[in-house]
Amino acid sequence: MSTKVVLISGDGIGPEVAVATRKVLDATGVDIEWIERHAGEAALRAGEKELLPASTLDMIAECGVALKGPCTTPIGSGFRSVNVLLRKTLDLYAAVRPVRNMHGVKTRYDNVDIVIVRENTEGLYVGIENQLTPQVATSIKLTTEAASRRIAAFAFRYARERGRKKVSVFHKANIMKLTDGMFIRCAREVHDAEFADVVYEEMIIDAACMRMVQDPSRFDVILAENLYGDIMSDLCAGLVGGLGVTPGSNIGEKGAVFEAVHGSAPDIAGKGIANPLALIMSGVMMLNWMTQTRGDAKFAAAATRIKRAYDSALDAGERTGDLGGSLSTMGFADALIARL
């Protein structure tokens, strides 16, 4: 039987990288039935009345898994982030962002192999803001014990299951004693009660950023609340070549959405030059997750083949323009397929 996966192409370069990613995954021979749905500005262009239509949410809930391209979010005004709304509505509470040095992509740093685990449903991103006067606005940071314990358990379990040695919790509890104080207290208690075999440390977020750019190889798994995790994900991506070479996933108890974490890049949309690697890597994460949740090793085998293919292609200098190469979006996909 085929496995149903919701495909949300997104905005800007989204449709281009989504087509390339689908082509690569299909070339492995895994039997995926792609169910196409819309989100973001693409949903409005398709005649939907909402940026995140109920039909899209319902189908993700039914299939339990989705692969999503980038969606545009206005800055400073306009509609709320579709990504935030998607994670909140489906309770995709754990954002997982692996960051590692890529074959053939030279940066200032070596031996980077970090996973950021970010609480995805609370913090300042809940969007509780108020305009007190025309000159004064407030934003409320929401933190609960339940969510803090849940994400802590996820991070420690992730580290243990993948043979990782250390979890570093980033916080600002020296200033935000109630919210961040609760977050690290819950992490500490979960660690001591269930995961004492995993090395645990706490670091104030600003000091952690300094340590990160001094020597990122000292970090393994990073656990953070929503805002810090978002910022650290992009900072760490910059250590290995940018958002074009880093995947992302949003995982809940009942399903997961795997996505390109870069923007929709409308300035290059339609030119066929976008790098599809980030979404392809997210597709690899999806295949591995499907092995774990569906118990079918064929997905992991396909994931391994794709990973070897893009490592080999990058080593050989077959890259898109952003990485110093000359391949088009589909040209890069074809280069991977040739290596499968």
Protein backbone atom coordinates (compact mmCIF):
# COMPACT_ATOMS: atom_id res chain seq x y z
CA MET A 1 0.00 0.00 0.00
CA SER A 2 1.14 3.54 -0.72
CA THR A 3 1.73 5.96 2.13
CA LYS A 4 -0.18 9.23 1.93
CA VAL A 5 1.85 12.39 2.45
CA VAL A 6 0.46 15.92 2.26
CA LEU A 7 2.57 18.15 0.00
CA ILE A 8 2.31 21.90 0.62
CA SER A 9 4.38 23.69 -2.02
CA GLY A 10 4.14 27.12 -0.38
CA ASP A 11 4.98 30.50 -1.88
CA GLY A 12 7.76 32.04 -3.96
CA ILE A 13 10.37 29.40 -4.77
CA GLY A 14 8.31 26.83 -2.85
CA PRO A 15 6.68 25.18 -5.89
CA GLU A 16 10.05 24.82 -7.62
CA VAL A 17 11.88 23.19 -4.72
CA ALA A 18 8.81 21.07 -3.91
CA VAL A 19 8.71 19.61 -7.44
CA ALA A 20 12.45 18.87 -7.29
CA THR A 21 12.14 17.23 -3.88
CA ARG A 22 9.18 15.11 -4.91
CA LYS A 23 11.08 13.95 -8.00
CA VAL A 24 14.07 12.85 -5.89
CA LEU A 25 11.96 11.01 -3.31
CA ASP A 26 9.91 9.28 -6.00
CA ALA A 27 13.11 8.18 -7.76
CA THR A 28 14.02 6.02 -4.76
CA GLY A 29 11.02 3.81 -5.50
CA VAL A 30 9.22 4.42 -2.20
CA ASP A 31 5.48 4.29 -2.76
CA ILE A 32 4.22 7.69 -1.64
CA GLU A 33 0.83 9.06 -2.63
CA TRP A 34 1.23 12.83 -2.62
CA ILE A 35 -1.86 14.77 -1.54
CA GLU A 36 -1.42 18.38 -2.61
CA ARG A 37 -2.83 21.13 -0.40
CA HIS A 38 -2.30 24.88 -0.10
CA ALA A 39 -1.12 27.25 2.63
CA GLY A 40 0.03 30.86 2.72
CA GLU A 41 -0.47 33.28 -0.13
CA ALA A 42 -0.72 30.30 -2.49
CA ALA A 43 -3.96 29.33 -0.75
CA LEU A 44 -5.49 32.73 -1.50
CA ARG A 45 -4.40 32.52 -5.12
CA ALA A 46 -6.05 29.10 -5.32
CA GLY A 47 -9.37 30.63 -4.26
CA GLU A 48 -9.27 29.70 -0.58
CA LYS A 49 -10.65 32.21 1.91
CA GLU A 50 -8.00 31.51 4.55
CA LEU A 51 -4.21 31.36 4.54
CA LEU A 52 -4.36 28.02 6.32
CA PRO A 53 -7.54 26.34 5.06
CA ALA A 54 -9.37 23.80 7.17
CA SER A 55 -9.04 21.33 4.29
CA THR A 56 -5.25 21.50 4.61
CA LEU A 57 -5.30 21.01 8.37
CA ASP A 58 -7.81 18.17 8.12
CA MET A 59 -5.73 16.34 5.53
CA ILE A 60 -2.53 16.65 7.58
CA ALA A 61 -4.41 15.30 10.59
CA GLU A 62 -5.72 12.41 8.49
CA CYS A 63 -2.38 11.48 6.91
CA GLY A 64 -0.28 12.29 9.97
CA VAL A 65 2.60 13.66 7.90
CA ALA A 66 3.30 16.56 5.54
CA LEU A 67 6.19 18.03 3.57
CA LYS A 68 6.03 21.81 3.28
CA GLY A 69 7.81 24.45 1.24
CA PRO A 70 8.35 28.02 2.49
CA CYS A 71 5.37 30.32 3.15
CA THR A 72 5.60 34.12 3.09
CA THR A 73 5.10 36.04 6.34
CA PRO A 74 4.77 39.87 6.28
CA ILE A 75 7.11 41.85 8.55
CA GLY A 76 5.72 44.38 11.03
CA SER A 77 2.10 44.14 9.93
CA GLY A 78 -0.32 41.96 8.02
CA PHE A 79 -1.38 38.39 8.69
CA ARG A 80 0.05 36.09 11.33
CA SER A 81 2.74 33.56 10.40
CA VAL A 82 1.23 30.50 8.72
CA ASN A 83 4.05 28.40 10.16
CA VAL A 84 3.28 29.44 13.73
CA LEU A 85 -0.44 28.84 13.21
CA LEU A 86 0.19 25.41 11.70
CA ARG A 87 2.38 24.29 14.60
CA LYS A 88 -0.01 25.64 17.21
CA THR A 89 -3.18 24.23 15.65
CA LEU A 90 -1.76 20.72 15.17
CA ASP A 91 0.18 20.81 18.47
CA LEU A 92 3.49 20.16 16.73
CA TYR A 93 5.30 21.00 19.90
CA ALA A 94 8.88 19.95 19.02
CA ALA A 95 10.88 21.68 16.32
CA VAL A 96 13.97 19.66 15.42
CA ARG A 97 16.71 21.38 13.40
CA PRO A 98 19.84 19.31 12.67
CA VAL A 99 22.90 21.34 11.64
CA ARG A 100 26.09 19.71 10.38
CA ASN A 101 28.99 20.45 8.05
CA MET A 102 28.10 19.45 4.50
CA HIS A 103 30.39 17.62 2.09
CA GLY A 104 32.13 20.04 -0.22
CA VAL A 105 30.69 23.16 1.46
CA LYS A 106 33.62 24.95 3.06
CA THR A 107 32.91 27.27 6.00
CA ARG A 108 34.92 28.78 8.84
CA TYR A 109 33.98 25.91 11.14
CA ASP A 110 34.70 22.19 11.17
CA ASN A 111 33.17 19.33 13.17
CA VAL A 112 29.78 21.02 13.54
CA ASP A 113 27.09 18.46 14.37
CA ILE A 114 24.34 20.09 16.40
CA VAL A 115 20.63 19.44 16.83
CA ILE A 116 18.42 22.28 18.08
CA VAL A 117 15.26 21.11 19.84
CA ARG A 118 12.87 24.01 20.22
CA GLU A 119 9.59 24.27 22.12
CA ASN A 120 7.17 25.17 19.35
CA THR A 121 3.88 26.26 20.92
CA GLU A 122 4.56 28.79 23.69
CA GLY A 123 6.77 31.75 24.55
CA LEU A 124 6.39 35.11 22.85
CA TYR A 125 5.24 33.41 19.65
CA VAL A 126 1.75 32.78 21.03
CA GLY A 127 1.10 36.29 19.75
CA ILE A 128 -0.57 37.76 22.85
CA GLU A 129 0.08 41.42 22.13
CA ASN A 130 -1.71 44.55 23.20
CA GLN A 131 -1.57 48.18 22.10
CA LEU A 132 -1.88 50.06 25.38
CA THR A 133 -1.55 53.50 23.81
CA PRO A 134 -0.50 54.61 20.32
CA GLN A 135 3.05 54.80 21.67
CA VAL A 136 3.09 51.71 23.94
CA ALA A 137 2.65 48.02 23.07
CA THR A 138 3.15 44.86 25.13
CA SER A 139 3.79 41.22 24.34
CA ILE A 140 3.18 38.39 26.81
CA LYS A 141 5.52 35.40 27.11
CA LEU A 142 3.59 32.25 27.96
CA THR A 143 5.35 29.36 29.71
CA THR A 144 3.68 26.31 31.27
CA GLU A 145 5.06 23.39 33.23
CA ALA A 146 3.30 20.89 31.00
CA ALA A 147 4.88 22.18 27.79
CA SER A 148 8.29 22.66 29.42
CA ARG A 149 8.37 19.10 30.74
CA ARG A 150 7.11 17.69 27.44
CA ILE A 151 9.81 19.33 25.33
CA ALA A 152 12.52 18.48 27.87
CA ALA A 153 11.54 14.80 27.78
CA PHE A 154 11.55 14.93 23.97
CA ALA A 155 15.09 16.40 23.87
CA PHE A 156 16.54 13.92 26.34
CA ARG A 157 14.83 10.99 24.64
CA TYR A 158 16.08 12.20 21.26
CA ALA A 159 19.65 12.39 22.59
CA ARG A 160 19.50 8.94 24.17
CA GLU A 161 17.95 7.19 21.17
CA ARG A 162 20.53 8.65 18.76
CA GLY A 163 23.56 8.07 20.92
CA ARG A 164 24.19 11.73 21.60
CA LYS A 165 25.99 12.56 24.80
CA LYS A 166 24.88 15.99 26.00
CA VAL A 167 21.89 18.31 26.16
CA SER A 168 22.54 22.03 26.71
CA VAL A 169 19.58 24.14 27.83
CA PHE A 170 19.74 27.79 26.74
CA HIS A 171 17.85 30.30 28.87
CA LYS A 172 17.72 33.80 30.35
CA ALA A 173 16.51 32.81 33.82
CA ASN A 174 18.83 35.33 35.45
CA ILE A 175 16.42 38.01 34.17
CA MET A 176 13.15 36.18 33.39
CA LYS A 177 13.05 34.28 36.65
CA LEU A 178 9.45 33.05 36.38
CA THR A 179 9.18 32.01 32.71
CA ASP A 180 12.72 30.89 31.89
CA GLY A 181 13.15 29.88 35.51
CA MET A 182 10.26 27.46 35.11
CA PHE A 183 11.67 26.15 31.82
CA ILE A 184 15.08 25.20 33.25
CA ARG A 185 13.58 23.88 36.50
CA CYS A 186 11.37 21.49 34.53
CA ALA A 187 14.27 20.44 32.32
CA ARG A 188 16.43 19.76 35.36
CA GLU A 189 13.73 17.73 37.09
CA VAL A 190 12.96 15.65 33.99
CA HIS A 191 16.66 14.97 33.49
CA ASP A 192 17.30 13.93 37.08
CA ALA A 193 14.21 11.70 37.23
CA GLU A 194 14.48 9.89 33.88
CA PHE A 195 17.62 10.73 31.90
CA ALA A 196 20.57 10.84 34.28
CA ASP A 197 22.66 8.95 31.69
CA VAL A 198 22.62 12.04 29.41
CA VAL A 199 25.05 14.84 30.28
CA TYR A 200 23.12 17.98 31.17
CA GLU A 201 24.14 21.64 31.29
CA GLU A 202 22.45 25.03 31.49
CA MET A 203 23.78 28.13 29.73
CA ILE A 204 22.58 31.73 29.69
CA ILE A 205 21.63 32.45 26.09
CA ASP A 206 23.97 35.40 25.46
CA ALA A 207 26.97 33.55 26.87
CA ALA A 208 25.95 30.50 24.84
CA CYS A 209 25.98 32.56 21.62
CA MET A 210 29.52 33.68 22.39
CA ARG A 211 30.61 30.10 23.05
CA MET A 212 28.87 28.96 19.86
CA VAL A 213 30.88 31.21 17.56
CA GLN A 214 34.09 30.45 19.47
CA ASP A 215 33.75 26.66 19.21
CA PRO A 216 30.47 25.13 17.98
CA SER A 217 31.93 21.62 18.23
CA ARG A 218 31.43 21.72 22.01
CA PHE A 219 27.64 21.53 21.55
CA ASP A 220 25.57 18.45 20.82
CA VAL A 221 21.81 18.80 21.45
CA ILE A 222 20.48 22.25 22.33
CA LEU A 223 17.16 22.61 24.13
CA ALA A 224 15.48 26.03 24.07
CA GLU A 225 12.16 27.77 24.34
CA ASN A 226 10.50 29.11 21.20
CA LEU A 227 12.23 32.44 20.51
CA TYR A 228 15.73 31.36 21.53
CA GLY A 229 15.40 28.15 19.54
CA ASP A 230 14.32 30.06 16.45
CA ILE A 231 17.28 32.43 16.65
CA MET A 232 19.80 29.69 17.42
CA SER A 233 18.54 27.61 14.49
CA ASP A 234 19.47 30.37 12.04
CA LEU A 235 22.71 31.22 13.83
CA CYS A 236 23.82 27.59 13.70
CA ALA A 237 22.78 27.29 10.06
CA GLY A 238 25.18 30.13 9.32
CA LEU A 239 28.03 28.01 10.69
CA VAL A 240 27.61 25.38 7.97
CA GLY A 241 26.58 27.34 4.88
CA GLY A 242 23.16 28.85 5.59
CA LEU A 243 19.50 27.93 5.56
CA GLY A 244 19.84 26.37 2.13
CA VAL A 245 21.66 23.37 3.64
CA THR A 246 19.67 22.83 6.83
CA PRO A 247 16.41 20.87 7.20
CA GLY A 248 13.64 21.19 9.75
CA SER A 249 10.77 19.26 11.27
CA ASN A 250 7.84 19.98 13.56
CA ILE A 251 6.76 16.93 15.53
CA GLY A 252 3.72 16.22 17.68
CA GLU A 253 2.10 13.21 19.30
CA LYS A 254 -0.18 12.57 16.31
CA GLY A 255 1.90 13.67 13.34
CA ALA A 256 4.68 15.77 11.90
CA VAL A 257 5.36 18.44 9.30
CA PHE A 258 8.76 18.57 7.61
CA GLU A 259 9.74 21.85 6.02
CA ALA A 260 12.33 24.03 4.39
CA VAL A 261 13.27 26.57 7.04
CA HIS A 262 14.42 29.22 4.59
CA GLY A 263 12.18 31.96 3.22
CA SER A 264 10.11 32.04 0.05
CA ALA A 265 12.68 34.24 -1.80
CA PRO A 266 10.19 35.92 -4.17
CA ASP A 267 13.03 37.80 -5.88
CA ILE A 268 14.27 34.57 -7.51
CA ALA A 269 10.95 32.75 -7.83
CA GLY A 270 10.34 31.31 -11.27
CA LYS A 271 13.97 31.58 -12.37
CA GLY A 272 14.81 27.93 -11.75
CA ILE A 273 17.88 28.74 -9.68
CA ALA A 274 16.63 28.03 -6.13
CA ASN A 275 18.50 25.43 -4.10
CA PRO A 276 16.16 22.51 -3.28
CA LEU A 277 18.63 20.85 -0.91
CA ALA A 278 17.05 22.05 2.35
CA LEU A 279 13.66 20.61 1.42
CA ILE A 280 15.27 17.41 0.11
CA MET A 281 17.07 17.06 3.44
CA SER A 282 13.76 17.63 5.22
CA GLY A 283 12.35 14.86 3.03
CA VAL A 284 15.13 12.59 4.31
CA MET A 285 14.14 13.45 7.87
CA MET A 286 10.55 12.63 6.95
CA LEU A 287 11.50 9.22 5.57
CA ASN A 288 13.45 8.38 8.74
CA TRP A 289 10.53 9.52 10.90
CA MET A 290 8.18 7.35 8.84
CA THR A 291 10.42 4.37 9.53
CA GLN A 292 10.17 5.01 13.25
CA THR A 293 6.43 5.59 13.29
CA ARG A 294 5.30 3.19 10.56
CA GLY A 295 7.80 0.42 11.23
CA ASP A 296 8.87 0.07 7.60
CA ALA A 297 12.61 -0.03 6.94
CA LYS A 298 12.18 0.79 3.25
CA PHE A 299 11.83 4.46 4.15
CA ALA A 300 15.14 4.50 6.04
CA ALA A 301 16.86 2.76 3.15
CA ALA A 302 15.57 5.42 0.75
CA ALA A 303 16.69 8.17 3.14
CA THR A 304 20.20 6.73 3.28
CA ARG A 305 20.43 6.58 -0.51
CA ILE A 306 19.35 10.21 -0.89
CA LYS A 307 21.80 11.38 1.78
CA ARG A 308 24.66 9.56 0.06
CA ALA A 309 23.57 11.07 -3.25
CA TYR A 310 23.65 14.69 -2.11
CA ASP A 311 26.88 14.21 -0.17
CA SER A 312 28.45 12.75 -3.32
CA ALA A 313 27.07 15.49 -5.56
CA LEU A 314 28.32 18.28 -3.30
CA ASP A 315 31.74 16.63 -3.07
CA ALA A 316 31.89 16.54 -6.86
CA GLY A 317 31.07 20.24 -7.12
CA GLU A 318 27.57 19.67 -8.47
CA ARG A 319 25.75 22.50 -6.71
CA THR A 320 23.34 25.35 -7.27
CA GLY A 321 24.55 28.94 -7.59
CA ASP A 322 24.18 29.84 -3.91
CA LEU A 323 26.83 27.22 -3.09
CA GLY A 324 29.17 28.29 -5.85
CA GLY A 325 27.90 25.92 -8.53
CA SER A 326 26.03 26.33 -11.78
CA LEU A 327 23.19 23.81 -11.60
CA SER A 328 19.54 24.80 -11.83
CA THR A 329 16.95 23.65 -9.32
CA MET A 330 15.96 20.64 -11.43
CA GLY A 331 19.56 20.13 -12.56
CA PHE A 332 20.58 19.51 -8.97
CA ALA A 333 17.65 17.12 -8.48
CA ASP A 334 18.70 15.23 -11.62
CA ALA A 335 22.28 15.03 -10.34
CA LEU A 336 21.03 13.32 -7.18
CA ILE A 337 18.78 10.97 -9.10
CA ALA A 338 21.72 9.92 -11.29
CA ARG A 339 23.51 8.85 -8.08
CA LEU A 340 20.60 6.82 -6.75
